[in-house]
């Protein structure tokens, strides 16, 4: 795999992270708004905030590594996959919590 291919994959991963983050923030805000005064609302707010900070911090470090040490950048490919998987799990968790809360309200 060439360096230019790897950079393309990381840009794609960053784009998916940005789109997923927007979705996670919007859904997390909706859940928080419904239960703002309860432990659920505060927990969702904290978890979404921490997740976003961690994922973008990992993204910055990964991109710095790719551009400063291109020969060993293949090491970051599994990390980028885990990055996207954890985003999917976070989105799934917030959506499941939102559905459960909708059932409780109705």
C-alpha atoms as a PDB file:
ATOM      1  CA  UNK A   1       0.000   0.000   0.000  1.00  0.00           C
ATOM      2  CA  UNK A   2       1.364   3.383  -0.964  1.00  0.00           C
ATOM      3  CA  UNK A   3       1.417   6.446   1.234  1.00  0.00           C
ATOM      4  CA  UNK A   4      -0.972   8.374  -1.027  1.00  0.00           C
ATOM      5  CA  UNK A   5      -3.563   5.573  -0.715  1.00  0.00           C
ATOM      6  CA  UNK A   6      -3.241   5.639   3.056  1.00  0.00           C
ATOM      7  CA  UNK A   7      -3.708   9.398   3.216  1.00  0.00           C
ATOM      8  CA  UNK A   8      -6.853   9.029   1.096  1.00  0.00           C
ATOM      9  CA  UNK A   9      -8.236   6.479   3.556  1.00  0.00           C
ATOM     10  CA  UNK A  10      -7.498   8.739   6.493  1.00  0.00           C
ATOM     11  CA  UNK A  11      -9.233  11.692   4.809  1.00  0.00           C
ATOM     12  CA  UNK A  12     -12.222   9.429   4.171  1.00  0.00           C
ATOM     13  CA  UNK A  13     -12.185   8.341   7.820  1.00  0.00           C
ATOM     14  CA  UNK A  14     -12.019  11.968   8.940  1.00  0.00           C
ATOM     15  CA  UNK A  15     -15.010  12.835   6.745  1.00  0.00           C
ATOM     16  CA  UNK A  16     -17.003   9.923   8.169  1.00  0.00           C
ATOM     17  CA  UNK A  17     -16.019  10.979  11.683  1.00  0.00           C
ATOM     18  CA  UNK A  18     -17.193  14.532  11.021  1.00  0.00           C
ATOM     19  CA  UNK A  19     -20.564  13.384   9.658  1.00  0.00           C
ATOM     20  CA  UNK A  20     -21.020  10.870  12.458  1.00  0.00           C
ATOM     21  CA  UNK A  21     -20.077  13.469  15.046  1.00  0.00           C
ATOM     22  CA  UNK A  22     -22.681  15.911  13.783  1.00  0.00           C
ATOM     23  CA  UNK A  23     -25.303  13.174  13.947  1.00  0.00           C
ATOM     24  CA  UNK A  24     -24.138  12.134  17.438  1.00  0.00           C
ATOM     25  CA  UNK A  25     -24.207  15.707  18.714  1.00  0.00           C
ATOM     26  CA  UNK A  26     -27.701  16.351  17.330  1.00  0.00           C
ATOM     27  CA  UNK A  27     -29.160  13.098  18.698  1.00  0.00           C
ATOM     28  CA  UNK A  28     -27.306  13.488  21.991  1.00  0.00           C
ATOM     29  CA  UNK A  29     -28.698  16.998  22.347  1.00  0.00           C
ATOM     30  CA  UNK A  30     -32.237  15.730  21.751  1.00  0.00           C
ATOM     31  CA  UNK A  31     -31.848  13.074  24.432  1.00  0.00           C
ATOM     32  CA  UNK A  32     -30.277  15.572  26.799  1.00  0.00           C
ATOM     33  CA  UNK A  33     -33.047  18.081  26.178  1.00  0.00           C
ATOM     34  CA  UNK A  34     -35.735  15.543  27.097  1.00  0.00           C
ATOM     35  CA  UNK A  35     -34.004  14.475  30.313  1.00  0.00           C
ATOM     36  CA  UNK A  36     -31.812  17.476  31.108  1.00  0.00           C
ATOM     37  CA  UNK A  37     -32.478  17.374  34.856  1.00  0.00           C
ATOM     38  CA  UNK A  38     -32.113  13.608  35.245  1.00  0.00           C
ATOM     39  CA  UNK A  39     -29.031  11.458  35.483  1.00  0.00           C
ATOM     40  CA  UNK A  40     -29.696  10.130  31.964  1.00  0.00           C
ATOM     41  CA  UNK A  41     -29.514  13.582  30.400  1.00  0.00           C
ATOM     42  CA  UNK A  42     -26.356  14.518  32.249  1.00  0.00           C
ATOM     43  CA  UNK A  43     -24.764  11.171  31.439  1.00  0.00           C
ATOM     44  CA  UNK A  44     -25.519  11.459  27.708  1.00  0.00           C
ATOM     45  CA  UNK A  45     -24.092  14.976  27.644  1.00  0.00           C
ATOM     46  CA  UNK A  46     -20.892  13.891  29.376  1.00  0.00           C
ATOM     47  CA  UNK A  47     -20.421  10.757  27.274  1.00  0.00           C
ATOM     48  CA  UNK A  48     -20.977  12.511  23.950  1.00  0.00           C
ATOM     49  CA  UNK A  49     -18.637  15.347  24.927  1.00  0.00           C
ATOM     50  CA  UNK A  50     -15.877  12.998  26.070  1.00  0.00           C
ATOM     51  CA  UNK A  51     -16.260  10.802  22.981  1.00  0.00           C
ATOM     52  CA  UNK A  52     -15.991  13.746  20.605  1.00  0.00           C
ATOM     53  CA  UNK A  53     -12.906  15.107  22.379  1.00  0.00           C
ATOM     54  CA  UNK A  54     -11.202  11.712  22.412  1.00  0.00           C
ATOM     55  CA  UNK A  55     -11.933  10.916  18.786  1.00  0.00           C
ATOM     56  CA  UNK A  56     -10.756  14.258  17.438  1.00  0.00           C
ATOM     57  CA  UNK A  57      -7.645  14.127  19.623  1.00  0.00           C
ATOM     58  CA  UNK A  58      -6.887  10.707  18.178  1.00  0.00           C
ATOM     59  CA  UNK A  59      -7.515  12.115  14.703  1.00  0.00           C
ATOM     60  CA  UNK A  60      -5.063  14.970  15.165  1.00  0.00           C
ATOM     61  CA  UNK A  61      -2.365  12.660  16.517  1.00  0.00           C
ATOM     62  CA  UNK A  62      -2.982  10.155  13.706  1.00  0.00           C
ATOM     63  CA  UNK A  63      -2.719  12.777  10.978  1.00  0.00           C
ATOM     64  CA  UNK A  64       0.439  14.191  12.528  1.00  0.00           C
ATOM     65  CA  UNK A  65       1.929  10.702  12.590  1.00  0.00           C
ATOM     66  CA  UNK A  66       0.942  10.046   8.972  1.00  0.00           C
ATOM     67  CA  UNK A  67       2.564  13.231   7.728  1.00  0.00           C
ATOM     68  CA  UNK A  68       5.651  13.097   9.961  1.00  0.00           C
ATOM     69  CA  UNK A  69       6.377   9.379   9.631  1.00  0.00           C
ATOM     70  CA  UNK A  70       4.826   8.180   6.365  1.00  0.00           C
ATOM     71  CA  UNK A  71       6.752   4.909   6.130  1.00  0.00           C
ATOM     72  CA  UNK A  72       5.212   3.537   9.322  1.00  0.00           C
ATOM     73  CA  UNK A  73       1.748   5.000   8.782  1.00  0.00           C
ATOM     74  CA  UNK A  74       0.234   1.580   8.058  1.00  0.00           C
ATOM     75  CA  UNK A  75       0.232   1.067  11.844  1.00  0.00           C
ATOM     76  CA  UNK A  76      -2.626   3.572  12.055  1.00  0.00           C
ATOM     77  CA  UNK A  77      -4.967   1.664   9.750  1.00  0.00           C
ATOM     78  CA  UNK A  78      -6.336  -0.635  12.495  1.00  0.00           C
ATOM     79  CA  UNK A  79      -6.675   2.377  14.764  1.00  0.00           C
ATOM     80  CA  UNK A  80      -8.719   4.200  12.123  1.00  0.00           C
ATOM     81  CA  UNK A  81     -10.975   1.157  11.775  1.00  0.00           C
ATOM     82  CA  UNK A  82     -11.484   1.053  15.550  1.00  0.00           C
ATOM     83  CA  UNK A  83     -12.104   4.793  15.415  1.00  0.00           C
ATOM     84  CA  UNK A  84     -15.002   4.266  13.000  1.00  0.00           C
ATOM     85  CA  UNK A  85     -16.318   1.218  14.881  1.00  0.00           C
ATOM     86  CA  UNK A  86     -16.403   3.142  18.159  1.00  0.00           C
ATOM     87  CA  UNK A  87     -18.263   5.970  16.426  1.00  0.00           C
ATOM     88  CA  UNK A  88     -20.831   3.443  15.212  1.00  0.00           C
ATOM     89  CA  UNK A  89     -21.196   2.002  18.714  1.00  0.00           C
ATOM     90  CA  UNK A  90     -21.675   5.478  20.190  1.00  0.00           C
ATOM     91  CA  UNK A  91     -24.321   6.339  17.596  1.00  0.00           C
ATOM     92  CA  UNK A  92     -26.064   3.011  18.218  1.00  0.00           C
ATOM     93  CA  UNK A  93     -26.013   3.613  21.984  1.00  0.00           C
ATOM     94  CA  UNK A  94     -27.477   7.109  21.760  1.00  0.00           C
ATOM     95  CA  UNK A  95     -30.160   5.949  19.300  1.00  0.00           C
ATOM     96  CA  UNK A  96     -31.079   3.023  21.580  1.00  0.00           C
ATOM     97  CA  UNK A  97     -31.302   5.339  24.578  1.00  0.00           C
ATOM     98  CA  UNK A  98     -33.465   7.747  22.587  1.00  0.00           C
ATOM     99  CA  UNK A  99     -35.838   4.931  21.568  1.00  0.00           C
ATOM    100  CA  UNK A 100     -36.068   3.680  25.171  1.00  0.00           C
ATOM    101  CA  UNK A 101     -36.823   7.184  26.393  1.00  0.00           C
ATOM    102  CA  UNK A 102     -39.493   7.638  23.741  1.00  0.00           C
ATOM    103  CA  UNK A 103     -41.162   4.452  25.051  1.00  0.00           C
ATOM    104  CA  UNK A 104     -41.046   5.786  28.612  1.00  0.00           C
ATOM    105  CA  UNK A 105     -42.609   9.106  27.629  1.00  0.00           C
ATOM    106  CA  UNK A 106     -45.483   7.581  25.678  1.00  0.00           C
END
